[in-house]
Amino acid sequence: MIDNYEDTMALIKKMEEHLPIPAEPTKNFIHAMRKNGIKVKSDQKLQIESVVYWGDEGGIGCCVELLKKGEVVVTSLTHIRVKNAHAIGKDIKKYQKMRTDALALKNIKREYFK
């Protein structure tokens, strides 16, 4: 199990109450977008428009608008940043850290037991 289901659903509810949420791209987001022909800069302003739970394997997904470009993409919450100063920024960061740490540990275990 990667996510604590109850905690994740509580975060999704908080996020829905604060939509739209301003965000910024991570390096992973920028690279993924460029692979798909969408140019995104590190200072590109993003806005989370909606959220969905993709289950334990996928985590929280976000429908994100690339402001000034008028494009909308769907990405993992772990591929974007929300400032700590936002009302739920620290909650989002806590989820992102927990999820990336859990995924890293899962990958280490998978490699160990090959």
PDB file of N, CA and C in Angstrom:
ATOM      1  N   MET A   1       0.847  -1.180   0.000  1.00  0.00           N
ATOM      2  CA  MET A   1       0.000   0.000   0.000  1.00  0.00           C
ATOM      3  C   MET A   1       0.895   1.248   0.000  1.00  0.00           C
ATOM      4  N   ILE A   2       0.625   2.149  -0.911  1.00  0.00           N
ATOM      5  CA  ILE A   2       1.413   3.382  -1.009  1.00  0.00           C
ATOM      6  C   ILE A   2       0.721   4.507  -0.252  1.00  0.00           C
ATOM      7  N   ASP A   3      -0.549   4.737  -0.561  1.00  0.00           N
ATOM      8  CA  ASP A   3      -1.307   5.820   0.064  1.00  0.00           C
ATOM      9  C   ASP A   3      -2.118   5.316   1.255  1.00  0.00           C
ATOM     10  N   ASN A   4      -2.296   6.179   2.231  1.00  0.00           N
ATOM     11  CA  ASN A   4      -3.293   5.950   3.267  1.00  0.00           C
ATOM     12  C   ASN A   4      -4.587   6.508   2.680  1.00  0.00           C
ATOM     13  N   TYR A   5      -5.529   5.632   2.382  1.00  0.00           N
ATOM     14  CA  TYR A   5      -6.729   6.020   1.648  1.00  0.00           C
ATOM     15  C   TYR A   5      -7.488   7.162   2.326  1.00  0.00           C
ATOM     16  N   GLU A   6      -7.706   7.058   3.635  1.00  0.00           N
ATOM     17  CA  GLU A   6      -8.483   8.089   4.350  1.00  0.00           C
ATOM     18  C   GLU A   6      -7.777   9.442   4.302  1.00  0.00           C
ATOM     19  N   ASP A   7      -6.467   9.434   4.526  1.00  0.00           N
ATOM     20  CA  ASP A   7      -5.701  10.685   4.477  1.00  0.00           C
ATOM     21  C   ASP A   7      -5.721  11.289   3.071  1.00  0.00           C
ATOM     22  N   THR A   8      -5.607  10.426   2.072  1.00  0.00           N
ATOM     23  CA  THR A   8      -5.603  10.902   0.686  1.00  0.00           C
ATOM     24  C   THR A   8      -6.957  11.504   0.308  1.00  0.00           C
ATOM     25  N   MET A   9      -8.032  10.856   0.706  1.00  0.00           N
ATOM     26  CA  MET A   9      -9.369  11.387   0.415  1.00  0.00           C
ATOM     27  C   MET A   9      -9.596  12.717   1.139  1.00  0.00           C
ATOM     28  N   ALA A  10      -9.065  12.829   2.359  1.00  0.00           N
ATOM     29  CA  ALA A  10      -9.190  14.095   3.104  1.00  0.00           C
ATOM     30  C   ALA A  10      -8.436  15.209   2.380  1.00  0.00           C
ATOM     31  N   LEU A  11      -7.250  14.892   1.838  1.00  0.00           N
ATOM     32  CA  LEU A  11      -6.486  15.901   1.098  1.00  0.00           C
ATOM     33  C   LEU A  11      -7.224  16.295  -0.180  1.00  0.00           C
ATOM     34  N   ILE A  12      -7.776  15.338  -0.881  1.00  0.00           N
ATOM     35  CA  ILE A  12      -8.531  15.652  -2.098  1.00  0.00           C
ATOM     36  C   ILE A  12      -9.698  16.578  -1.769  1.00  0.00           C
ATOM     37  N   LYS A  13     -10.388  16.302  -0.677  1.00  0.00           N
ATOM     38  CA  LYS A  13     -11.512  17.165  -0.273  1.00  0.00           C
ATOM     39  C   LYS A  13     -11.023  18.588   0.003  1.00  0.00           C
ATOM     40  N   LYS A  14      -9.897  18.717   0.723  1.00  0.00           N
ATOM     41  CA  LYS A  14      -9.327  20.045   0.993  1.00  0.00           C
ATOM     42  C   LYS A  14      -8.965  20.745  -0.314  1.00  0.00           C
ATOM     43  N   MET A  15      -8.349  19.992  -1.227  1.00  0.00           N
ATOM     44  CA  MET A  15      -7.950  20.587  -2.499  1.00  0.00           C
ATOM     45  C   MET A  15      -9.168  21.081  -3.264  1.00  0.00           C
ATOM     46  N   GLU A  16     -10.223  20.280  -3.297  1.00  0.00           N
ATOM     47  CA  GLU A  16     -11.439  20.676  -4.017  1.00  0.00           C
ATOM     48  C   GLU A  16     -12.046  21.951  -3.426  1.00  0.00           C
ATOM     49  N   GLU A  17     -11.926  22.118  -2.121  1.00  0.00           N
ATOM     50  CA  GLU A  17     -12.448  23.322  -1.469  1.00  0.00           C
ATOM     51  C   GLU A  17     -11.628  24.569  -1.801  1.00  0.00           C
ATOM     52  N   HIS A  18     -10.381  24.384  -2.242  1.00  0.00           N
ATOM     53  CA  HIS A  18      -9.497  25.522  -2.525  1.00  0.00           C
ATOM     54  C   HIS A  18      -9.238  25.745  -4.018  1.00  0.00           C
ATOM     55  N   LEU A  19      -9.926  24.997  -4.885  1.00  0.00           N
ATOM     56  CA  LEU A  19      -9.715  25.156  -6.325  1.00  0.00           C
ATOM     57  C   LEU A  19     -10.157  26.527  -6.794  1.00  0.00           C
ATOM     58  N   PRO A  20      -9.516  27.074  -7.792  1.00  0.00           N
ATOM     59  CA  PRO A  20      -8.272  26.626  -8.415  1.00  0.00           C
ATOM     60  C   PRO A  20      -7.073  26.913  -7.511  1.00  0.00           C
ATOM     61  N   ILE A  21      -6.046  26.081  -7.650  1.00  0.00           N
ATOM     62  CA  ILE A  21      -4.843  26.200  -6.819  1.00  0.00           C
ATOM     63  C   ILE A  21      -3.669  26.567  -7.720  1.00  0.00           C
ATOM     64  N   PRO A  22      -2.989  27.682  -7.443  1.00  0.00           N
ATOM     65  CA  PRO A  22      -1.812  28.044  -8.240  1.00  0.00           C
ATOM     66  C   PRO A  22      -0.685  27.040  -7.994  1.00  0.00           C
ATOM     67  N   ALA A  23       0.044  26.738  -9.060  1.00  0.00           N
ATOM     68  CA  ALA A  23       1.119  25.760  -8.959  1.00  0.00           C
ATOM     69  C   ALA A  23       2.249  26.132  -9.919  1.00  0.00           C
ATOM     70  N   GLU A  24       3.339  25.381  -9.806  1.00  0.00           N
ATOM     71  CA  GLU A  24       4.506  25.570 -10.665  1.00  0.00           C
ATOM     72  C   GLU A  24       4.978  24.200 -11.127  1.00  0.00           C
ATOM     73  N   PRO A  25       5.642  24.129 -12.277  1.00  0.00           N
ATOM     74  CA  PRO A  25       6.104  22.836 -12.782  1.00  0.00           C
ATOM     75  C   PRO A  25       7.373  22.354 -12.076  1.00  0.00           C
ATOM     76  N   THR A  26       7.530  21.040 -12.019  1.00  0.00           N
ATOM     77  CA  THR A  26       8.796  20.449 -11.583  1.00  0.00           C
ATOM     78  C   THR A  26       9.581  20.087 -12.844  1.00  0.00           C
ATOM     79  N   LYS A  27      10.816  19.673 -12.684  1.00  0.00           N
ATOM     80  CA  LYS A  27      11.623  19.248 -13.838  1.00  0.00           C
ATOM     81  C   LYS A  27      10.964  18.076 -14.552  1.00  0.00           C
ATOM     82  N   ASN A  28      10.405  17.137 -13.792  1.00  0.00           N
ATOM     83  CA  ASN A  28       9.726  15.987 -14.407  1.00  0.00           C
ATOM     84  C   ASN A  28       8.559  16.434 -15.274  1.00  0.00           C
ATOM     85  N   PHE A  29       7.787  17.403 -14.786  1.00  0.00           N
ATOM     86  CA  PHE A  29       6.654  17.921 -15.544  1.00  0.00           C
ATOM     87  C   PHE A  29       7.137  18.568 -16.836  1.00  0.00           C
ATOM     88  N   ILE A  30       8.166  19.401 -16.735  1.00  0.00           N
ATOM     89  CA  ILE A  30       8.703  20.098 -17.905  1.00  0.00           C
ATOM     90  C   ILE A  30       9.175  19.097 -18.953  1.00  0.00           C
ATOM     91  N   HIS A  31       9.929  18.083 -18.536  1.00  0.00           N
ATOM     92  CA  HIS A  31      10.429  17.080 -19.479  1.00  0.00           C
ATOM     93  C   HIS A  31       9.294  16.294 -20.126  1.00  0.00           C
ATOM     94  N   ALA A  32       8.296  15.921 -19.342  1.00  0.00           N
ATOM     95  CA  ALA A  32       7.158  15.179 -19.890  1.00  0.00           C
ATOM     96  C   ALA A  32       6.403  16.020 -20.921  1.00  0.00           C
ATOM     97  N   MET A  33       6.219  17.283 -20.633  1.00  0.00           N
ATOM     98  CA  MET A  33       5.507  18.157 -21.564  1.00  0.00           C
ATOM     99  C   MET A  33       6.308  18.346 -22.857  1.00  0.00           C
ATOM    100  N   ARG A  34       7.611  18.536 -22.712  1.00  0.00           N
ATOM    101  CA  ARG A  34       8.446  18.730 -23.904  1.00  0.00           C
ATOM    102  C   ARG A  34       8.450  17.487 -24.790  1.00  0.00           C
ATOM    103  N   LYS A  35       8.402  16.297 -24.168  1.00  0.00           N
ATOM    104  CA  LYS A  35       8.330  15.053 -24.952  1.00  0.00           C
ATOM    105  C   LYS A  35       7.054  15.005 -25.778  1.00  0.00           C
ATOM    106  N   ASN A  36       6.024  15.685 -25.315  1.00  0.00           N
ATOM    107  CA  ASN A  36       4.738  15.723 -26.012  1.00  0.00           C
ATOM    108  C   ASN A  36       4.563  16.986 -26.850  1.00  0.00           C
ATOM    109  N   GLY A  37       5.651  17.708 -27.054  1.00  0.00           N
ATOM    110  CA  GLY A  37       5.621  18.872 -27.930  1.00  0.00           C
ATOM    111  C   GLY A  37       5.069  20.145 -27.301  1.00  0.00           C
ATOM    112  N   ILE A  38       4.932  20.157 -25.982  1.00  0.00           N
ATOM    113  CA  ILE A  38       4.437  21.354 -25.297  1.00  0.00           C
ATOM    114  C   ILE A  38       5.604  22.002 -24.565  1.00  0.00           C
ATOM    115  N   LYS A  39       5.921  23.224 -24.958  1.00  0.00           N
ATOM    116  CA  LYS A  39       7.041  23.923 -24.320  1.00  0.00           C
ATOM    117  C   LYS A  39       6.573  24.563 -23.024  1.00  0.00           C
ATOM    118  N   VAL A  40       7.251  24.195 -21.939  1.00  0.00           N
ATOM    119  CA  VAL A  40       6.947  24.735 -20.619  1.00  0.00           C
ATOM    120  C   VAL A  40       8.266  25.199 -20.007  1.00  0.00           C
ATOM    121  N   LYS A  41       8.255  26.395 -19.469  1.00  0.00           N
ATOM    122  CA  LYS A  41       9.447  26.931 -18.808  1.00  0.00           C
ATOM    123  C   LYS A  41       9.350  26.701 -17.307  1.00  0.00           C
ATOM    124  N   SER A  42      10.472  26.787 -16.632  1.00  0.00           N
ATOM    125  CA  SER A  42      10.497  26.533 -15.188  1.00  0.00           C
ATOM    126  C   SER A  42       9.687  27.561 -14.402  1.00  0.00           C
ATOM    127  N   ASP A  43       9.497  28.755 -14.968  1.00  0.00           N
ATOM    128  CA  ASP A  43       8.710  29.773 -14.271  1.00  0.00           C
ATOM    129  C   ASP A  43       7.262  29.849 -14.781  1.00  0.00           C
ATOM    130  N   GLN A  44       6.865  28.850 -15.570  1.00  0.00           N
ATOM    131  CA  GLN A  44       5.496  28.798 -16.107  1.00  0.00           C
ATOM    132  C   GLN A  44       4.485  28.747 -14.962  1.00  0.00           C
ATOM    133  N   LYS A  45       3.477  29.566 -15.021  1.00  0.00           N
ATOM    134  CA  LYS A  45       2.415  29.555 -14.010  1.00  0.00           C
ATOM    135  C   LYS A  45       1.381  28.514 -14.408  1.00  0.00           C
ATOM    136  N   LEU A  46       1.037  27.671 -13.436  1.00  0.00           N
ATOM    137  CA  LEU A  46       0.045  26.628 -13.630  1.00  0.00           C
ATOM    138  C   LEU A  46      -1.101  26.857 -12.660  1.00  0.00           C
ATOM    139  N   GLN A  47      -2.215  26.194 -12.924  1.00  0.00           N
ATOM    140  CA  GLN A  47      -3.352  26.291 -12.021  1.00  0.00           C
ATOM    141  C   GLN A  47      -4.066  24.944 -11.997  1.00  0.00           C
ATOM    142  N   ILE A  48      -4.174  24.347 -10.811  1.00  0.00           N
ATOM    143  CA  ILE A  48      -4.902  23.092 -10.665  1.00  0.00           C
ATOM    144  C   ILE A  48      -6.384  23.412 -10.727  1.00  0.00           C
ATOM    145  N   GLU A  49      -7.067  22.824 -11.701  1.00  0.00           N
ATOM    146  CA  GLU A  49      -8.494  23.088 -11.924  1.00  0.00           C
ATOM    147  C   GLU A  49      -9.390  22.020 -11.291  1.00  0.00           C
ATOM    148  N   SER A  50      -8.901  20.775 -11.249  1.00  0.00           N
ATOM    149  CA  SER A  50      -9.668  19.692 -10.635  1.00  0.00           C
ATOM    150  C   SER A  50      -8.714  18.578 -10.220  1.00  0.00           C
ATOM    151  N   VAL A  51      -9.188  17.705  -9.338  1.00  0.00           N
ATOM    152  CA  VAL A  51      -8.380  16.595  -8.853  1.00  0.00           C
ATOM    153  C   VAL A  51      -9.187  15.304  -8.908  1.00  0.00           C
ATOM    154  N   VAL A  52      -8.477  14.204  -9.031  1.00  0.00           N
ATOM    155  CA  VAL A  52      -9.098  12.887  -9.089  1.00  0.00           C
ATOM    156  C   VAL A  52      -8.136  11.889  -8.442  1.00  0.00           C
ATOM    157  N   TYR A  53      -8.688  10.822  -7.887  1.00  0.00           N
ATOM    158  CA  TYR A  53      -7.829   9.797  -7.309  1.00  0.00           C
ATOM    159  C   TYR A  53      -7.715   8.644  -8.290  1.00  0.00           C
ATOM    160  N   TRP A  54      -6.502   8.323  -8.677  1.00  0.00           N
ATOM    161  CA  TRP A  54      -6.231   7.255  -9.631  1.00  0.00           C
ATOM    162  C   TRP A  54      -5.949   5.926  -8.934  1.00  0.00           C
ATOM    163  N   GLY A  55      -6.284   5.835  -7.676  1.00  0.00           N
ATOM    164  CA  GLY A  55      -6.022   4.606  -6.931  1.00  0.00           C
ATOM    165  C   GLY A  55      -4.626   4.606  -6.338  1.00  0.00           C
ATOM    166  N   ASP A  56      -4.336   3.569  -5.615  1.00  0.00           N
ATOM    167  CA  ASP A  56      -3.064   3.486  -4.908  1.00  0.00           C
ATOM    168  C   ASP A  56      -1.862   3.556  -5.856  1.00  0.00           C
ATOM    169  N   GLU A  57      -1.968   2.943  -7.009  1.00  0.00           N
ATOM    170  CA  GLU A  57      -0.843   2.943  -7.950  1.00  0.00           C
ATOM    171  C   GLU A  57      -0.624   4.301  -8.607  1.00  0.00           C
ATOM    172  N   GLY A  58      -1.701   5.056  -8.849  1.00  0.00           N
ATOM    173  CA  GLY A  58      -1.584   6.328  -9.554  1.00  0.00           C
ATOM    174  C   GLY A  58      -1.550   7.554  -8.672  1.00  0.00           C
ATOM    175  N   GLY A  59      -2.123   7.462  -7.483  1.00  0.00           N
ATOM    176  CA  GLY A  59      -2.141   8.608  -6.577  1.00  0.00           C
ATOM    177  C   GLY A  59      -3.131   9.676  -7.007  1.00  0.00           C
ATOM    178  N   ILE A  60      -2.863  10.899  -6.594  1.00  0.00           N
ATOM    179  CA  ILE A  60      -3.739  12.027  -6.919  1.00  0.00           C
ATOM    180  C   ILE A  60      -3.345  12.607  -8.268  1.00  0.00           C
ATOM    181  N   GLY A  61      -4.317  12.686  -9.153  1.00  0.00           N
ATOM    182  CA  GLY A  61      -4.107  13.297 -10.458  1.00  0.00           C
ATOM    183  C   GLY A  61      -4.746  14.669 -10.485  1.00  0.00           C
ATOM    184  N   CYS A  62      -4.154  15.555 -11.267  1.00  0.00           N
ATOM    185  CA  CYS A  62      -4.636  16.938 -11.345  1.00  0.00           C
ATOM    186  C   CYS A  62      -4.843  17.347 -12.797  1.00  0.00           C
ATOM    187  N   CYS A  63      -5.947  18.009 -13.036  1.00  0.00           N
ATOM    188  CA  CYS A  63      -6.181  18.668 -14.308  1.00  0.00           C
ATOM    189  C   CYS A  63      -5.579  20.064 -14.143  1.00  0.00           C
ATOM    190  N   VAL A  64      -4.557  20.358 -14.927  1.00  0.00           N
ATOM    191  CA  VAL A  64      -3.771  21.576 -14.753  1.00  0.00           C
ATOM    192  C   VAL A  64      -3.843  22.442 -15.998  1.00  0.00           C
ATOM    193  N   GLU A  65      -4.164  23.714 -15.790  1.00  0.00           N
ATOM    194  CA  GLU A  65      -4.152  24.669 -16.891  1.00  0.00           C
ATOM    195  C   GLU A  65      -2.795  25.360 -16.930  1.00  0.00           C
ATOM    196  N   LEU A  66      -2.213  25.422 -18.120  1.00  0.00           N
ATOM    197  CA  LEU A  66      -0.975  26.165 -18.314  1.00  0.00           C
ATOM    198  C   LEU A  66      -1.384  27.598 -18.615  1.00  0.00           C
ATOM    199  N   LEU A  67      -1.338  28.449 -17.606  1.00  0.00           N
ATOM    200  CA  LEU A  67      -1.806  29.818 -17.762  1.00  0.00           C
ATOM    201  C   LEU A  67      -1.034  30.529 -18.858  1.00  0.00           C
ATOM    202  N   LYS A  68      -1.686  31.417 -19.553  1.00  0.00           N
ATOM    203  CA  LYS A  68      -1.194  32.193 -20.689  1.00  0.00           C
ATOM    204  C   LYS A  68      -1.040  31.347 -21.943  1.00  0.00           C
ATOM    205  N   LYS A  69      -1.109  30.018 -21.820  1.00  0.00           N
ATOM    206  CA  LYS A  69      -1.032  29.161 -22.998  1.00  0.00           C
ATOM    207  C   LYS A  69      -2.416  28.620 -23.347  1.00  0.00           C
ATOM    208  N   GLY A  70      -3.302  28.617 -22.358  1.00  0.00           N
ATOM    209  CA  GLY A  70      -4.650  28.137 -22.584  1.00  0.00           C
ATOM    210  C   GLY A  70      -4.752  26.636 -22.792  1.00  0.00           C
ATOM    211  N   GLU A  71      -3.692  25.897 -22.478  1.00  0.00           N
ATOM    212  CA  GLU A  71      -3.715  24.445 -22.621  1.00  0.00           C
ATOM    213  C   GLU A  71      -4.000  23.810 -21.266  1.00  0.00           C
ATOM    214  N   VAL A  72      -4.632  22.644 -21.309  1.00  0.00           N
ATOM    215  CA  VAL A  72      -4.940  21.901 -20.096  1.00  0.00           C
ATOM    216  C   VAL A  72      -4.337  20.509 -20.233  1.00  0.00           C
ATOM    217  N   VAL A  73      -3.657  20.055 -19.175  1.00  0.00           N
ATOM    218  CA  VAL A  73      -3.060  18.724 -19.157  1.00  0.00           C
ATOM    219  C   VAL A  73      -3.440  18.028 -17.856  1.00  0.00           C
ATOM    220  N   VAL A  74      -3.297  16.726 -17.848  1.00  0.00           N
ATOM    221  CA  VAL A  74      -3.537  15.955 -16.635  1.00  0.00           C
ATOM    222  C   VAL A  74      -2.204  15.369 -16.197  1.00  0.00           C
ATOM    223  N   THR A  75      -1.887  15.544 -14.926  1.00  0.00           N
ATOM    224  CA  THR A  75      -0.602  15.074 -14.406  1.00  0.00           C
ATOM    225  C   THR A  75      -0.751  14.626 -12.962  1.00  0.00           C
ATOM    226  N   SER A  76       0.262  13.957 -12.486  1.00  0.00           N
ATOM    227  CA  SER A  76       0.296  13.542 -11.092  1.00  0.00           C
ATOM    228  C   SER A  76       0.585  14.746 -10.204  1.00  0.00           C
ATOM    229  N   LEU A  77       0.000  14.761  -9.031  1.00  0.00           N
ATOM    230  CA  LEU A  77       0.272  15.832  -8.068  1.00  0.00           C
ATOM    231  C   LEU A  77       1.752  15.889  -7.711  1.00  0.00           C
ATOM    232  N   THR A  78       2.444  14.771  -7.814  1.00  0.00           N
ATOM    233  CA  THR A  78       3.875  14.756  -7.477  1.00  0.00           C
ATOM    234  C   THR A  78       4.730  15.440  -8.541  1.00  0.00           C
ATOM    235  N   HIS A  79       4.151  15.810  -9.689  1.00  0.00           N
ATOM    236  CA  HIS A  79       4.918  16.454 -10.751  1.00  0.00           C
ATOM    237  C   HIS A  79       4.735  17.962 -10.817  1.00  0.00           C
ATOM    238  N   ILE A  80       4.034  18.510  -9.830  1.00  0.00           N
ATOM    239  CA  ILE A  80       3.877  19.960  -9.760  1.00  0.00           C
ATOM    240  C   ILE A  80       4.143  20.422  -8.335  1.00  0.00           C
ATOM    241  N   ARG A  81       4.405  21.704  -8.186  1.00  0.00           N
ATOM    242  CA  ARG A  81       4.670  22.283  -6.857  1.00  0.00           C
ATOM    243  C   ARG A  81       3.602  23.297  -6.506  1.00  0.00           C
ATOM    244  N   VAL A  82       3.222  23.265  -5.249  1.00  0.00           N
ATOM    245  CA  VAL A  82       2.334  24.281  -4.689  1.00  0.00           C
ATOM    246  C   VAL A  82       3.117  24.931  -3.562  1.00  0.00           C
ATOM    247  N   LYS A  83       3.111  26.251  -3.525  1.00  0.00           N
ATOM    248  CA  LYS A  83       3.883  26.957  -2.505  1.00  0.00           C
ATOM    249  C   LYS A  83       3.383  26.653  -1.098  1.00  0.00           C
ATOM    250  N   ASN A  84       4.319  26.560  -0.157  1.00  0.00           N
ATOM    251  CA  ASN A  84       3.976  26.322   1.244  1.00  0.00           C
ATOM    252  C   ASN A  84       3.061  27.407   1.791  1.00  0.00           C
ATOM    253  N   ALA A  85       3.146  28.597   1.251  1.00  0.00           N
ATOM    254  CA  ALA A  85       2.341  29.712   1.737  1.00  0.00           C
ATOM    255  C   ALA A  85       0.853  29.543   1.408  1.00  0.00           C
ATOM    256  N   HIS A  86       0.534  28.671   0.448  1.00  0.00           N
ATOM    257  CA  HIS A  86      -0.871  28.421   0.126  1.00  0.00           C
ATOM    258  C   HIS A  86      -1.536  27.764   1.332  1.00  0.00           C
ATOM    259  N   ALA A  87      -2.825  27.984   1.499  1.00  0.00           N
ATOM    260  CA  ALA A  87      -3.569  27.471   2.659  1.00  0.00           C
ATOM    261  C   ALA A  87      -3.368  25.976   2.892  1.00  0.00           C
ATOM    262  N   ILE A  88      -3.231  25.192   1.826  1.00  0.00           N
ATOM    263  CA  ILE A  88      -3.003  23.753   1.999  1.00  0.00           C
ATOM    264  C   ILE A  88      -1.668  23.304   1.387  1.00  0.00           C
ATOM    265  N   GLY A  89      -0.790  24.262   1.144  1.00  0.00           N
ATOM    266  CA  GLY A  89       0.514  23.957   0.551  1.00  0.00           C
ATOM    267  C   GLY A  89       1.325  22.948   1.346  1.00  0.00           C
ATOM    268  N   LYS A  90       1.333  23.085   2.653  1.00  0.00           N
ATOM    269  CA  LYS A  90       2.103  22.151   3.486  1.00  0.00           C
ATOM    270  C   LYS A  90       1.481  20.757   3.473  1.00  0.00           C
ATOM    271  N   ASP A  91       0.158  20.677   3.420  1.00  0.00           N
ATOM    272  CA  ASP A  91      -0.513  19.376   3.335  1.00  0.00           C
ATOM    273  C   ASP A  91      -0.168  18.676   2.020  1.00  0.00           C
ATOM    274  N   ILE A  92      -0.141  19.438   0.940  1.00  0.00           N
ATOM    275  CA  ILE A  92       0.195  18.885  -0.367  1.00  0.00           C
ATOM    276  C   ILE A  92       1.638  18.412  -0.371  1.00  0.00           C
ATOM    277  N   LYS A  93       2.538  19.229   0.132  1.00  0.00           N
ATOM    278  CA  LYS A  93       3.958  18.859   0.175  1.00  0.00           C
ATOM    279  C   LYS A  93       4.163  17.590   1.009  1.00  0.00           C
ATOM    280  N   LYS A  94       3.444  17.470   2.119  1.00  0.00           N
ATOM    281  CA  LYS A  94       3.545  16.281   2.977  1.00  0.00           C
ATOM    282  C   LYS A  94       3.120  15.040   2.189  1.00  0.00           C
ATOM    283  N   TYR A  95       2.017  15.133   1.450  1.00  0.00           N
ATOM    284  CA  TYR A  95       1.558  14.013   0.629  1.00  0.00           C
ATOM    285  C   TYR A  95       2.599  13.673  -0.439  1.00  0.00           C
ATOM    286  N   GLN A  96       3.119  14.696  -1.119  1.00  0.00           N
ATOM    287  CA  GLN A  96       4.097  14.463  -2.175  1.00  0.00           C
ATOM    288  C   GLN A  96       5.338  13.743  -1.635  1.00  0.00           C
ATOM    289  N   LYS A  97       5.825  14.184  -0.488  1.00  0.00           N
ATOM    290  CA  LYS A  97       7.009  13.558   0.111  1.00  0.00           C
ATOM    291  C   LYS A  97       6.708  12.119   0.500  1.00  0.00           C
ATOM    292  N   MET A  98       5.567  11.900   1.150  1.00  0.00           N
ATOM    293  CA  MET A  98       5.194  10.549   1.561  1.00  0.00           C
ATOM    294  C   MET A  98       5.114   9.636   0.337  1.00  0.00           C
ATOM    295  N   ARG A  99       4.470  10.108  -0.707  1.00  0.00           N
ATOM    296  CA  ARG A  99       4.264   9.274  -1.889  1.00  0.00           C
ATOM    297  C   ARG A  99       5.572   8.976  -2.613  1.00  0.00           C
ATOM    298  N   THR A 100       6.404   9.972  -2.817  1.00  0.00           N
ATOM    299  CA  THR A 100       7.660   9.730  -3.519  1.00  0.00           C
ATOM    300  C   THR A 100       8.584   8.831  -2.688  1.00  0.00           C
ATOM    301  N   ASP A 101       8.592   9.014  -1.371  1.00  0.00           N
ATOM    302  CA  ASP A 101       9.394   8.134  -0.509  1.00  0.00           C
ATOM    303  C   ASP A 101       8.874   6.701  -0.576  1.00  0.00           C
ATOM    304  N   ALA A 102       7.558   6.523  -0.532  1.00  0.00           N
ATOM    305  CA  ALA A 102       6.962   5.182  -0.580  1.00  0.00           C
ATOM    306  C   ALA A 102       7.236   4.513  -1.924  1.00  0.00           C
ATOM    307  N   LEU A 103       7.157   5.272  -3.017  1.00  0.00           N
ATOM    308  CA  LEU A 103       7.444   4.710  -4.332  1.00  0.00           C
ATOM    309  C   LEU A 103       8.911   4.327  -4.461  1.00  0.00           C
ATOM    310  N   ALA A 104       9.796   5.158  -3.931  1.00  0.00           N
ATOM    311  CA  ALA A 104      11.220   4.842  -3.969  1.00  0.00           C
ATOM    312  C   ALA A 104      11.500   3.565  -3.186  1.00  0.00           C
ATOM    313  N   LEU A 105      10.908   3.431  -2.011  1.00  0.00           N
ATOM    314  CA  LEU A 105      11.094   2.237  -1.193  1.00  0.00           C
ATOM    315  C   LEU A 105      10.541   1.004  -1.905  1.00  0.00           C
ATOM    316  N   LYS A 106       9.395   1.152  -2.549  1.00  0.00           N
ATOM    317  CA  LYS A 106       8.801   0.038  -3.286  1.00  0.00           C
ATOM    318  C   LYS A 106       9.723  -0.412  -4.414  1.00  0.00           C
ATOM    319  N   ASN A 107      10.344   0.538  -5.106  1.00  0.00           N
ATOM    320  CA  ASN A 107      11.267   0.202  -6.193  1.00  0.00           C
ATOM    321  C   ASN A 107      12.524  -0.472  -5.668  1.00  0.00           C
ATOM    322  N   ILE A 108      13.012  -0.029  -4.525  1.00  0.00           N
ATOM    323  CA  ILE A 108      14.189  -0.654  -3.914  1.00  0.00           C
ATOM    324  C   ILE A 108      13.869  -2.107  -3.555  1.00  0.00           C
ATOM    325  N   LYS A 109      12.717  -2.328  -2.943  1.00  0.00           N
ATOM    326  CA  LYS A 109      12.307  -3.688  -2.572  1.00  0.00           C
ATOM    327  C   LYS A 109      12.174  -4.561  -3.816  1.00  0.00           C
ATOM    328  N   ARG A 110      11.599  -4.015  -4.878  1.00  0.00           N
ATOM    329  CA  ARG A 110      11.412  -4.774  -6.114  1.00  0.00           C
ATOM    330  C   ARG A 110      12.772  -5.204  -6.682  1.00  0.00           C
ATOM    331  N   GLU A 111      13.760  -4.293  -6.670  1.00  0.00           N
ATOM    332  CA  GLU A 111      15.088  -4.597  -7.164  1.00  0.00           C
ATOM    333  C   GLU A 111      15.769  -5.640  -6.281  1.00  0.00           C
ATOM    334  N   TYR A 112      15.566  -5.534  -4.979  1.00  0.00           N
ATOM    335  CA  TYR A 112      16.207  -6.434  -4.026  1.00  0.00           C
ATOM    336  C   TYR A 112      15.711  -7.864  -4.196  1.00  0.00           C
ATOM    337  N   PHE A 113      14.439  -8.039  -4.498  1.00  0.00           N
ATOM    338  CA  PHE A 113      13.859  -9.374  -4.572  1.00  0.00           C
ATOM    339  C   PHE A 113      13.845  -9.962  -5.976  1.00  0.00           C
ATOM    340  N   LYS A 114      14.545  -9.353  -6.915  1.00  0.00           N
ATOM    341  CA  LYS A 114      14.625  -9.909  -8.288  1.00  0.00           C
ATOM    342  C   LYS A 114      15.409 -11.185  -8.298  1.00  0.00           C
TER     343      LYS A 114
END
